[in-house]
Amino acid sequence: MSSIKIECIASEGYGIGESPVWDEKEGALLCVDITGRKVCRWSSLTSQVQAISVDAPVSSVALRKSGDYVITLGTRFAALKWKEQLVTTIAHVEKDKPNNRFNDGKVDPAGRYFAGTMAEEIRPAVLERHQGSLYTLFSDFSVVKHFDQVDISNGLDWSLDHKTFFYIDSLSYSVDAFDYDIQTGKIANRRSVYRPEKEESIPDGMCIDTEGKLWVACYNGGRVIRLDPETGKRLQTVKLPVDKTTSCCFGGKDYSEMYVTSASYGMDKEWLSRQPQAGGVFKITGLGVKGVPPYPFAG
């Protein structure tokens, strides 16, 4: 195992940094600050962060085949034109739930955008339960709802053979798997593949590596863990200098770097003084594994 190095590449102090995704064309890392209502882009060439402010909590960002990006904003799927800083709504869900918002989202191997909702938090991870649902935005802009009764819709990814969909509803304290039909985008047969240990706290964002192992960011656990979804065993733990690790993705030239987002929301002054990098974005090198490039939304 080569030696692991962790560096803070963007100490922006995000309220809730989330949804890191590598944009190969730009050589840049995208992410969002949910509470700060910003879509951010860190350039690996200049090490500078650009940010676009939006009019609602923005919880995920994804690449788009036709160029630019798609985002989840409030309870809307929307398109984002970066240069023009222009946001246009694609589809609106849950108009009857003004207290809800989207949370994590990701595009499947066929170009569909999966994202789930949750109730707004009163305090971190404290919210009205069972208010969320999981949705898919198809390339024709139609939306399908898979199921409801979700607490905090979070990490999602697909197995390398595209036959399994992995999903986290954070307050169920479980990493779940479903059978996946890549032709239709349908999911079935939900089961748990991993339950976090107490010190790992709340499972949050997730990504997969080229060996088919899952990496899960542990909110309040200050770490990312590597899991084998076949055996349900934890294979590796990488601790970070902040407690509120929120999500992870692979990026860089050959997808051998891991990027981890974090949050500062809900931390008091004393806690922040102990963790000045809270809300920062971290780059981990030397893991010895590579990730899978993100899929772009086909619509």
Foldseek 3Di string as FASTA:
>chain_A
DFDKDKDFLFLPQAAFKDAWAQDQVQCWIWIFRQVQQWIWIQHPVPSDIDIQHDDAGWAYWFFAPVGAIWTWGFQFIWGADPVVRDIDTLDGPPPVQNQKGKHYWAAAPLQKIKTKMAGDAPAVLHGDFFAMWIWIQALVRDIDTQDTRAHHWAAWYAFPVRQKIWTDRFVVQFIWIWGADPVPRHTHDIDGQEGDDVLLATWHYWFAFPVRWIWTRRAQNQWIWIADSVNRDTDDIDGHLARGWHYWAFDDDQSQKMKIAFRDGNPDPVNCVSRVSGRTMMIMHDPPTGGDHGDHRHD
